[in-house]
Amino acid sequence: MRKTAAERATQRHITGNIFKGSVGNLIEWYDWYVYAAFSLYFSHQFFPSGNLTGQLLNTAAVFAVGFLMRPVGSLFFGRYADRHGRKAALTLSITVMAAGSLIIACTPGYETIGIAAPIILVFARLLQGLSLGGEYGTSATYLSEMASTGRRGFYSSFQYVTLISGQLTALGVQILLQQVLTEEQMGSWGWRIPFIIGAVGALAVLWLRRTMDESNHFKRMSGEQKKQAGSLRAVAKYPRAVLTVMGLTIGGTVAFFSFTTYLQKFMVNTSGIPKETVSLINFCALLIFVVLQPLVGSLSDRIGRRPILLAFGLLGAIITVPLFRTLAVTTDPVLAFLLMLGALVVVSGYTSINAIVKAELFPAEIRALGMGFPYAITVALFGGTAEYIALWLKSIGHEELFYFYVAACCALGFLVYFFMGETSRSSHIDREHHEAEATEQAQIDSELAAVAAGMAAPSTAETPDSEHVSTRS
């Protein structure tokens, strides 16, 4: 059935706001991933000389420190978004992320300022962790609320489209710099360029986010809802939803960071594949991964979220150990690419729909805080430490234990998905939307009834008394 002009205009309006919110998300995640993508080149700049694994352990520890700041960021920005609006929180978060990138780009190395170098690096990562902690819950809330009914899975999947695109952009910049700069130049000063790009890109995003619309779900909150907005006490009234967010995040975040951020280092440090080749493998695999997100998100709008999550948990538990074992002993770039792509296809079952699943669990007045805070705590404990655990186990000669750790986390996720309900059938977002539509329709019906009553009322016109004229005969 063809859409009317009004429907097409509404769809363009929704798409425009999704784009503005998504592009900002891309820059945020680009700034975050640049650290991981270029850590192979700048790790020696901030830490004393030593073996490669030792220096990577130090940079991975700083990466984990950034994750530990994310719960603080989610608490601050979640409360801010629920009380002052999604738009205001998203604008502030991109500013903080840009500041962190600029600090890293301008900080001298260990040989120049000594111990101050890693201290400043930690401070910059704390800023970025603060920003990113607030970005997830707020952007997931915004994209889920701005999406049209029946297509929320599709539209909310663009959170990971832009998240992965940020990583792709970081890898693209890395590949480009590898082609035009020597290894020595990359390790000396070339690694600073991507951080500068991120800080400059944030300026354009600031303008975009200032021109996007506020969510109607936030604007329609009642006076009573506004009193409870952004309150941890109000979030505590939804213990099952909070535990569900944490449970379904554990397997997803460990698998995601293991098969994206860490896998690049695994191919270099364990498989022995050249850095330049690894960058190309990651870029191609992640490019396909991006395309998968809206496809799986759209599928969830048709068959539900739960079956897709179950497929991820089960397959992740089964394939992880053999996949890592095979990748560890191969130097064939084609096989390495296929193995990474296979893992990412499975992980798509989580990444494409996790935002909408969590958003559907909470009402508007605590949505950003309710989904963002427990998510950030879980990611800090499991996602942020995944790479550090992997490198530490490698350093003590027990790298294979990490494979089983990832598989166990996926299996735990499967159990959570098995016992949870289908969120698309009990969505707070859809309920709010239907209630708003019913209220608006009731107002329209009331106005039409009043008009009809006015038209039906008989008009009373004044009639003059008739004069009686007597006639004489």
Protein backbone atom coordinates (compact mmCIF):
# COMPACT_ATOMS: atom_id res chain seq x y z
CA MET A 1 0.00 0.00 0.00
CA ARG A 2 1.40 3.37 -1.03
CA LYS A 3 2.14 5.89 1.68
CA THR A 4 0.44 9.26 1.76
CA ALA A 5 2.42 12.49 1.52
CA ALA A 6 1.94 13.06 5.26
CA GLU A 7 3.26 9.57 6.06
CA ARG A 8 6.30 10.08 3.84
CA ALA A 9 7.01 13.43 5.50
CA THR A 10 6.76 11.81 8.95
CA GLN A 11 9.11 9.03 7.88
CA ARG A 12 11.66 11.56 6.57
CA HIS A 13 11.40 13.46 9.84
CA ILE A 14 12.09 10.30 11.85
CA THR A 15 14.97 9.31 9.58
CA GLY A 16 16.51 12.78 9.88
CA ASN A 17 16.52 12.66 13.67
CA ILE A 18 17.86 9.09 13.70
CA PHE A 19 20.67 10.24 11.41
CA LYS A 20 21.57 13.21 13.61
CA GLY A 21 21.64 11.09 16.72
CA SER A 22 23.55 8.32 14.98
CA VAL A 23 26.30 10.48 13.51
CA GLY A 24 27.06 11.83 16.96
CA ASN A 25 27.23 8.27 18.24
CA LEU A 26 29.69 7.45 15.45
CA ILE A 27 32.09 10.21 16.48
CA GLU A 28 31.85 9.22 20.14
CA TRP A 29 32.77 5.64 19.34
CA TYR A 30 35.43 6.66 16.83
CA ASP A 31 37.17 8.62 19.57
CA TRP A 32 36.87 5.64 21.91
CA TYR A 33 38.14 3.04 19.43
CA VAL A 34 41.03 5.10 18.14
CA TYR A 35 42.73 4.31 21.44
CA ALA A 36 42.39 0.56 20.88
CA ALA A 37 43.24 0.71 17.17
CA PHE A 38 46.45 2.70 17.66
CA SER A 39 47.60 1.29 21.00
CA LEU A 40 50.05 -0.96 19.12
CA TYR A 41 51.82 2.21 18.01
CA PHE A 42 51.72 4.49 21.05
CA SER A 43 52.01 2.02 23.97
CA HIS A 44 55.79 2.61 24.15
CA GLN A 45 55.23 6.38 24.25
CA PHE A 46 53.44 6.35 27.62
CA PHE A 47 55.08 3.45 29.41
CA PRO A 48 58.69 2.35 30.12
CA SER A 49 60.43 0.11 27.60
CA GLY A 50 59.67 -3.59 27.81
CA ASN A 51 58.25 -6.47 25.77
CA LEU A 52 55.24 -5.91 23.54
CA THR A 53 52.84 -7.94 25.68
CA GLY A 54 53.85 -5.96 28.79
CA GLN A 55 53.26 -2.61 27.10
CA LEU A 56 49.93 -3.82 25.70
CA LEU A 57 48.97 -4.93 29.19
CA ASN A 58 49.57 -1.37 30.43
CA THR A 59 47.51 0.21 27.64
CA ALA A 60 44.80 -2.44 28.09
CA ALA A 61 44.71 -1.59 31.81
CA VAL A 62 44.13 2.08 30.94
CA PHE A 63 41.43 0.94 28.49
CA ALA A 64 39.79 -0.94 31.37
CA VAL A 65 40.07 2.13 33.64
CA GLY A 66 38.02 4.04 31.07
CA PHE A 67 35.36 1.36 31.34
CA LEU A 68 35.31 1.66 35.12
CA MET A 69 34.31 5.31 34.69
CA ARG A 70 31.35 4.38 32.54
CA PRO A 71 28.97 3.60 35.44
CA VAL A 72 29.63 7.11 36.78
CA GLY A 73 28.94 8.54 33.34
CA SER A 74 25.76 6.52 32.92
CA LEU A 75 24.54 7.65 36.35
CA PHE A 76 25.25 11.33 35.65
CA PHE A 77 24.07 11.46 32.02
CA GLY A 78 21.16 9.07 32.62
CA ARG A 79 19.76 11.32 35.35
CA TYR A 80 20.47 14.37 33.18
CA ALA A 81 18.71 12.86 30.14
CA ASP A 82 15.63 11.80 32.13
CA ARG A 83 15.35 15.19 33.82
CA HIS A 84 16.52 17.67 31.16
CA GLY A 85 16.02 15.79 27.91
CA ARG A 86 17.79 13.32 25.63
CA LYS A 87 18.97 16.07 23.31
CA ALA A 88 20.71 18.08 26.06
CA ALA A 89 22.49 15.01 27.43
CA LEU A 90 23.71 13.86 24.02
CA THR A 91 25.09 17.33 23.24
CA LEU A 92 27.01 17.46 26.51
CA SER A 93 28.44 13.96 26.14
CA ILE A 94 30.05 14.67 22.75
CA THR A 95 31.76 17.74 24.22
CA VAL A 96 33.35 15.72 27.02
CA MET A 97 34.52 13.01 24.58
CA ALA A 98 36.17 15.59 22.32
CA ALA A 99 38.07 17.04 25.27
CA GLY A 100 39.46 13.60 26.14
CA SER A 101 40.67 12.98 22.58
CA LEU A 102 42.35 16.37 22.37
CA ILE A 103 44.21 15.77 25.64
CA ILE A 104 45.60 12.43 24.40
CA ALA A 105 46.64 14.01 21.09
CA CYS A 106 48.62 16.75 22.84
CA THR A 107 50.23 14.82 25.73
CA PRO A 108 54.05 14.35 25.51
CA GLY A 109 55.51 10.87 25.97
CA TYR A 110 57.06 9.15 29.00
CA GLU A 111 60.60 10.07 27.96
CA THR A 112 59.64 13.76 27.99
CA ILE A 113 57.50 14.21 31.11
CA GLY A 114 58.03 10.90 32.90
CA ILE A 115 55.27 9.50 35.10
CA ALA A 116 53.01 12.45 34.22
CA ALA A 117 52.47 10.92 30.75
CA PRO A 118 50.52 7.81 31.87
CA ILE A 119 48.73 9.87 34.55
CA ILE A 120 47.43 12.32 31.95
CA LEU A 121 46.53 9.40 29.69
CA VAL A 122 44.47 7.88 32.50
CA PHE A 123 42.73 11.23 33.11
CA ALA A 124 41.82 11.55 29.42
CA ARG A 125 40.45 8.02 29.36
CA LEU A 126 38.41 8.77 32.48
CA LEU A 127 36.82 11.69 30.63
CA GLN A 128 36.09 9.49 27.63
CA GLY A 129 34.71 6.76 29.87
CA LEU A 130 32.45 9.31 31.57
CA SER A 131 31.15 10.46 28.19
CA LEU A 132 30.67 7.01 26.72
CA GLY A 133 28.97 5.78 29.88
CA GLY A 134 26.26 8.35 29.34
CA GLU A 135 26.17 7.94 25.56
CA TYR A 136 24.88 4.37 25.48
CA GLY A 137 21.77 4.74 27.63
CA THR A 138 20.87 8.16 26.27
CA SER A 139 21.39 7.38 22.58
CA ALA A 140 19.66 4.00 22.87
CA THR A 141 16.73 5.73 24.55
CA TYR A 142 16.60 8.47 21.91
CA LEU A 143 16.77 6.11 18.91
CA SER A 144 14.20 3.74 20.41
CA GLU A 145 11.76 6.55 21.23
CA MET A 146 12.15 8.35 17.90
CA ALA A 147 11.53 5.15 15.90
CA SER A 148 8.07 4.41 14.51
CA THR A 149 5.96 1.58 15.94
CA GLY A 150 6.70 -1.74 14.27
CA ARG A 151 10.16 -0.62 13.17
CA ARG A 152 11.86 0.00 16.51
CA GLY A 153 14.17 -2.99 16.13
CA PHE A 154 15.30 -1.70 12.73
CA TYR A 155 15.89 1.90 13.79
CA SER A 156 17.47 1.16 17.17
CA SER A 157 19.96 -1.16 15.44
CA PHE A 158 21.62 1.97 14.09
CA GLN A 159 23.20 2.47 17.50
CA TYR A 160 25.54 -0.42 16.73
CA VAL A 161 25.71 0.57 13.05
CA THR A 162 27.27 3.84 14.16
CA LEU A 163 29.22 2.21 16.99
CA ILE A 164 30.87 -0.20 14.55
CA SER A 165 31.19 2.55 11.94
CA GLY A 166 33.17 4.50 14.52
CA GLN A 167 35.50 1.52 14.85
CA LEU A 168 35.61 1.18 11.06
CA THR A 169 36.48 4.84 10.67
CA ALA A 170 39.28 4.41 13.20
CA LEU A 171 40.57 1.40 11.29
CA GLY A 172 40.21 3.25 7.98
CA VAL A 173 42.31 6.11 9.31
CA GLN A 174 44.82 3.56 10.59
CA ILE A 175 45.06 1.81 7.21
CA LEU A 176 45.46 5.15 5.41
CA LEU A 177 48.22 6.28 7.76
CA GLN A 178 49.96 2.92 7.42
CA GLN A 179 50.12 3.51 3.67
CA VAL A 180 51.56 7.03 3.82
CA LEU A 181 53.73 6.87 6.97
CA THR A 182 56.58 4.58 7.94
CA GLU A 183 56.49 2.35 11.03
CA GLU A 184 58.86 4.76 12.77
CA GLN A 185 56.71 7.79 11.92
CA MET A 186 53.57 6.02 13.13
CA GLY A 187 55.20 5.22 16.46
CA SER A 188 56.74 8.67 16.81
CA TRP A 189 53.95 11.13 15.95
CA GLY A 190 51.55 9.61 13.39
CA TRP A 191 49.36 8.03 16.06
CA ARG A 192 48.37 11.52 17.27
CA ILE A 193 46.61 12.38 13.99
CA PRO A 194 43.46 10.24 14.55
CA PHE A 195 42.91 11.79 17.99
CA ILE A 196 43.01 15.27 16.43
CA ILE A 197 40.54 14.14 13.73
CA GLY A 198 38.14 12.96 16.44
CA ALA A 199 38.28 16.23 18.34
CA VAL A 200 37.63 18.26 15.17
CA GLY A 201 34.80 15.97 14.04
CA ALA A 202 33.03 16.56 17.34
CA LEU A 203 32.51 20.24 16.42
CA ALA A 204 30.26 19.29 13.50
CA VAL A 205 28.40 16.84 15.70
CA LEU A 206 27.72 19.55 18.26
CA TRP A 207 25.82 21.51 15.62
CA LEU A 208 23.90 18.44 14.44
CA ARG A 209 22.80 17.48 17.92
CA ARG A 210 21.67 21.01 18.67
CA THR A 211 19.33 20.89 15.64
CA MET A 212 17.70 17.51 16.28
CA ASP A 213 14.25 17.24 17.88
CA GLU A 214 13.56 16.22 21.44
CA SER A 215 11.80 12.89 21.96
CA ASN A 216 8.01 13.13 22.30
CA HIS A 217 8.14 10.49 25.03
CA PHE A 218 10.18 12.90 27.14
CA LYS A 219 8.04 15.94 26.27
CA ARG A 220 4.81 14.11 27.13
CA MET A 221 5.86 13.14 30.65
CA SER A 222 3.28 14.08 33.27
CA GLY A 223 3.98 16.18 36.33
CA GLU A 224 4.15 13.07 38.51
CA GLN A 225 6.58 11.41 36.10
CA LYS A 226 8.83 14.48 36.11
CA LYS A 227 9.05 14.32 39.91
CA GLN A 228 10.46 10.77 39.66
CA ALA A 229 12.58 11.40 36.55
CA GLY A 230 16.16 10.19 36.81
CA SER A 231 15.65 8.79 40.31
CA LEU A 232 17.52 5.68 41.49
CA ARG A 233 14.63 5.08 43.89
CA ALA A 234 12.27 4.88 40.92
CA VAL A 235 14.66 2.53 39.09
CA ALA A 236 14.73 0.28 42.18
CA LYS A 237 11.01 -0.37 41.62
CA TYR A 238 11.99 -2.41 38.55
CA PRO A 239 14.43 -4.99 40.01
CA ARG A 240 13.58 -7.67 37.44
CA ALA A 241 14.23 -5.27 34.56
CA VAL A 242 17.56 -4.17 36.09
CA LEU A 243 18.73 -7.77 36.57
CA THR A 244 17.58 -8.63 33.05
CA VAL A 245 19.69 -5.80 31.59
CA MET A 246 22.77 -7.01 33.48
CA GLY A 247 22.19 -10.66 32.62
CA LEU A 248 21.67 -10.18 28.91
CA THR A 249 24.66 -7.80 28.73
CA ILE A 250 27.31 -10.16 30.18
CA GLY A 251 27.56 -12.57 27.25
CA GLY A 252 27.03 -9.87 24.63
CA THR A 253 29.64 -7.42 25.86
CA VAL A 254 32.35 -10.07 26.45
CA ALA A 255 31.75 -11.60 23.01
CA PHE A 256 31.61 -8.22 21.28
CA PHE A 257 34.84 -6.85 22.72
CA SER A 258 36.61 -10.19 22.33
CA PHE A 259 35.73 -10.55 18.63
CA THR A 260 36.30 -6.90 17.70
CA THR A 261 38.69 -4.87 19.88
CA TYR A 262 40.80 -7.75 21.22
CA LEU A 263 40.83 -9.92 18.09
CA GLN A 264 43.04 -7.38 16.30
CA LYS A 265 45.74 -7.80 18.95
CA PHE A 266 45.18 -11.58 19.05
CA MET A 267 45.95 -11.87 15.34
CA VAL A 268 49.17 -9.89 15.76
CA ASN A 269 50.34 -11.20 19.12
CA THR A 270 49.26 -14.86 18.88
CA SER A 271 48.63 -15.73 15.23
CA GLY A 272 51.64 -13.73 14.02
CA ILE A 273 49.81 -12.00 11.17
CA PRO A 274 51.37 -8.64 10.10
CA LYS A 275 49.73 -5.50 11.53
CA GLU A 276 48.80 -4.09 8.12
CA THR A 277 47.10 -7.34 7.07
CA VAL A 278 45.24 -7.54 10.38
CA SER A 279 43.93 -4.01 9.88
CA LEU A 280 42.52 -4.98 6.46
CA ILE A 281 40.96 -8.17 7.85
CA ASN A 282 39.27 -6.21 10.63
CA PHE A 283 38.07 -3.50 8.28
CA CYS A 284 36.45 -5.92 5.81
CA ALA A 285 34.83 -8.07 8.52
CA LEU A 286 33.47 -5.06 10.40
CA LEU A 287 32.11 -3.55 7.18
CA ILE A 288 29.92 -6.62 6.68
CA PHE A 289 29.08 -6.55 10.40
CA VAL A 290 27.65 -3.04 9.94
CA VAL A 291 25.34 -4.21 7.15
CA LEU A 292 24.05 -7.08 9.29
CA GLN A 293 22.77 -4.83 12.09
CA PRO A 294 19.64 -3.33 10.43
CA LEU A 295 18.87 -6.66 8.74
CA VAL A 296 18.78 -8.52 12.07
CA GLY A 297 17.04 -5.56 13.75
CA SER A 298 14.32 -5.62 11.10
CA LEU A 299 13.99 -9.39 11.55
CA SER A 300 13.33 -8.85 15.27
CA ASP A 301 10.39 -6.60 14.37
CA ARG A 302 8.86 -9.61 12.61
CA ILE A 303 9.70 -12.63 14.77
CA GLY A 304 10.48 -10.99 18.13
CA ARG A 305 13.68 -10.19 20.04
CA ARG A 306 13.95 -13.35 22.17
CA PRO A 307 14.55 -15.96 19.39
CA ILE A 308 17.45 -13.91 18.03
CA LEU A 309 19.04 -13.51 21.46
CA LEU A 310 18.69 -17.25 22.07
CA ALA A 311 20.47 -18.01 18.79
CA PHE A 312 23.36 -15.74 19.77
CA GLY A 313 23.77 -17.26 23.23
CA LEU A 314 23.68 -20.85 22.03
CA LEU A 315 25.95 -20.41 19.00
CA GLY A 316 28.38 -18.22 20.94
CA ALA A 317 28.78 -20.92 23.58
CA ILE A 318 29.39 -23.59 20.91
CA ILE A 319 31.76 -21.93 18.41
CA THR A 320 34.01 -19.72 20.57
CA VAL A 321 36.60 -22.29 21.71
CA PRO A 322 37.16 -24.00 18.33
CA LEU A 323 37.21 -20.62 16.59
CA PHE A 324 39.96 -19.20 18.82
CA ARG A 325 41.96 -22.44 18.64
CA THR A 326 41.86 -22.41 14.84
CA LEU A 327 42.74 -18.73 14.60
CA ALA A 328 45.67 -19.13 16.99
CA VAL A 329 47.53 -21.48 14.63
CA THR A 330 46.80 -19.87 11.26
CA THR A 331 48.61 -17.13 9.35
CA ASP A 332 46.28 -17.38 6.35
CA PRO A 333 44.55 -13.98 6.07
CA VAL A 334 41.54 -15.42 4.21
CA LEU A 335 40.88 -18.01 6.90
CA ALA A 336 41.41 -15.41 9.61
CA PHE A 337 38.87 -13.15 7.89
CA LEU A 338 36.29 -15.94 7.59
CA LEU A 339 36.72 -16.91 11.24
CA MET A 340 36.28 -13.32 12.42
CA LEU A 341 33.28 -12.83 10.14
CA GLY A 342 31.65 -16.02 11.42
CA ALA A 343 32.03 -14.81 15.00
CA LEU A 344 30.57 -11.41 14.12
CA VAL A 345 27.55 -12.95 12.40
CA VAL A 346 26.76 -14.72 15.67
CA VAL A 347 27.39 -11.60 17.78
CA SER A 348 24.92 -9.67 15.57
CA GLY A 349 22.17 -11.53 17.41
CA TYR A 350 23.03 -9.41 20.45
CA THR A 351 24.40 -6.14 19.06
CA SER A 352 21.55 -5.40 16.64
CA ILE A 353 18.72 -5.51 19.19
CA ASN A 354 20.15 -5.12 22.68
CA ALA A 355 19.34 -1.37 22.74
CA ILE A 356 15.63 -1.78 22.00
CA VAL A 357 15.28 -4.80 24.31
CA LYS A 358 16.60 -2.79 27.26
CA ALA A 359 14.70 0.37 26.35
CA GLU A 360 11.41 -1.53 26.24
CA LEU A 361 11.87 -2.61 29.88
CA PHE A 362 11.55 0.87 31.45
CA PRO A 363 9.09 3.82 31.44
CA ALA A 364 10.10 7.19 29.97
CA GLU A 365 10.95 8.93 33.26
CA ILE A 366 13.76 6.46 34.09
CA ARG A 367 14.52 4.91 30.69
CA ALA A 368 17.98 6.43 30.10
CA LEU A 369 19.10 5.79 33.68
CA GLY A 370 17.35 2.44 34.07
CA MET A 371 18.91 0.83 31.03
CA GLY A 372 22.19 2.76 31.02
CA PHE A 373 23.36 2.38 34.63
CA PRO A 374 23.10 -1.43 35.04
CA TYR A 375 24.46 -1.84 31.51
CA ALA A 376 27.50 0.33 32.28
CA ILE A 377 28.24 -1.55 35.51
CA THR A 378 28.14 -4.87 33.65
CA VAL A 379 30.30 -3.61 30.78
CA ALA A 380 32.84 -2.18 33.24
CA LEU A 381 33.13 -5.51 35.06
CA PHE A 382 33.08 -7.80 32.02
CA GLY A 383 33.53 -5.95 28.71
CA GLY A 384 36.22 -3.55 29.85
CA THR A 385 38.27 -6.30 31.48
CA ALA A 386 37.97 -8.89 28.68
CA GLU A 387 41.09 -7.74 26.84
CA TYR A 388 43.10 -7.40 30.03
CA ILE A 389 42.11 -10.92 31.15
CA ALA A 390 43.07 -12.31 27.75
CA LEU A 391 46.51 -10.66 27.74
CA TRP A 392 47.16 -11.60 31.37
CA LEU A 393 46.32 -15.25 30.73
CA LYS A 394 48.63 -15.18 27.71
CA SER A 395 51.44 -13.68 29.77
CA ILE A 396 51.26 -16.56 32.28
CA GLY A 397 50.99 -19.23 29.59
CA HIS A 398 47.28 -20.09 29.88
CA GLU A 399 45.78 -18.21 26.94
CA GLU A 400 43.28 -21.01 26.15
CA LEU A 401 41.45 -20.38 29.41
CA PHE A 402 40.21 -17.11 27.89
CA TYR A 403 38.44 -19.03 25.10
CA PHE A 404 36.43 -20.96 27.68
CA TYR A 405 35.73 -17.76 29.63
CA VAL A 406 34.09 -16.15 26.58
CA ALA A 407 32.10 -19.32 25.84
CA ALA A 408 30.89 -19.49 29.45
CA CYS A 409 29.69 -15.88 29.34
CA CYS A 410 27.71 -16.63 26.16
CA ALA A 411 26.20 -19.69 27.84
CA LEU A 412 25.16 -17.58 30.83
CA GLY A 413 23.54 -15.13 28.43
CA PHE A 414 21.61 -17.99 26.82
CA LEU A 415 20.11 -18.92 30.19
CA VAL A 416 18.98 -15.33 30.77
CA TYR A 417 17.42 -15.12 27.30
CA PHE A 418 15.69 -18.47 27.84
CA PHE A 419 13.87 -17.32 30.98
CA MET A 420 13.14 -13.71 29.98
CA GLY A 421 9.92 -12.68 28.27
CA GLU A 422 9.38 -11.21 24.80
CA THR A 423 9.93 -7.47 25.36
CA SER A 424 8.28 -6.39 22.09
CA ARG A 425 4.93 -7.67 23.44
CA SER A 426 5.15 -5.78 26.75
CA SER A 427 7.06 -2.70 25.57
CA HIS A 428 6.77 0.41 27.75
CA ILE A 429 7.60 2.47 24.67
CA ASP A 430 4.69 1.13 22.62
CA ARG A 431 2.36 1.41 25.62
CA GLU A 432 3.26 5.10 26.03
CA HIS A 433 2.78 5.64 22.31
CA HIS A 434 -0.66 4.01 22.29
CA GLU A 435 -1.73 5.92 25.41
CA ALA A 436 -0.67 9.21 23.79
CA GLU A 437 -2.57 8.31 20.60
CA ALA A 438 -5.66 7.41 22.64
CA THR A 439 -5.49 10.71 24.54
CA GLU A 440 -5.10 12.71 21.34
CA GLN A 441 -7.98 10.82 19.70
CA ALA A 442 -10.17 11.43 22.75
CA GLN A 443 -9.45 15.15 22.55
CA ILE A 444 -10.27 15.19 18.83
CA ASP A 445 -13.49 13.26 19.44
CA SER A 446 -14.43 15.68 22.24
CA GLU A 447 -13.84 18.71 20.03
CA LEU A 448 -15.80 17.17 17.15
CA ALA A 449 -18.67 16.35 19.50
CA ALA A 450 -18.74 19.91 20.78
CA VAL A 451 -18.84 21.28 17.22
CA ALA A 452 -21.59 18.84 16.22
CA ALA A 453 -23.63 19.75 19.29
CA GLY A 454 -23.34 23.43 18.44
CA MET A 455 -24.50 22.87 14.87
CA ALA A 456 -27.46 20.72 15.95
CA ALA A 457 -28.83 23.18 18.51
CA PRO A 458 -31.97 24.94 17.12
CA SER A 459 -31.53 28.65 16.51
CA THR A 460 -33.99 30.80 18.43
CA ALA A 461 -35.03 33.74 16.38
CA GLU A 462 -37.09 36.55 17.84
CA THR A 463 -40.59 36.99 16.30
CA PRO A 464 -42.48 40.33 16.80
CA ASP A 465 -46.00 40.37 18.28
CA SER A 466 -48.62 40.67 15.58
CA GLU A 467 -50.58 43.85 15.61
CA HIS A 468 -54.36 43.58 15.61
CA VAL A 469 -56.07 46.24 13.59
CA SER A 470 -59.75 46.85 14.25
CA THR A 471 -61.87 47.93 11.35
CA ARG A 472 -64.97 49.92 11.59
CA SER A 473 -67.84 49.13 9.51
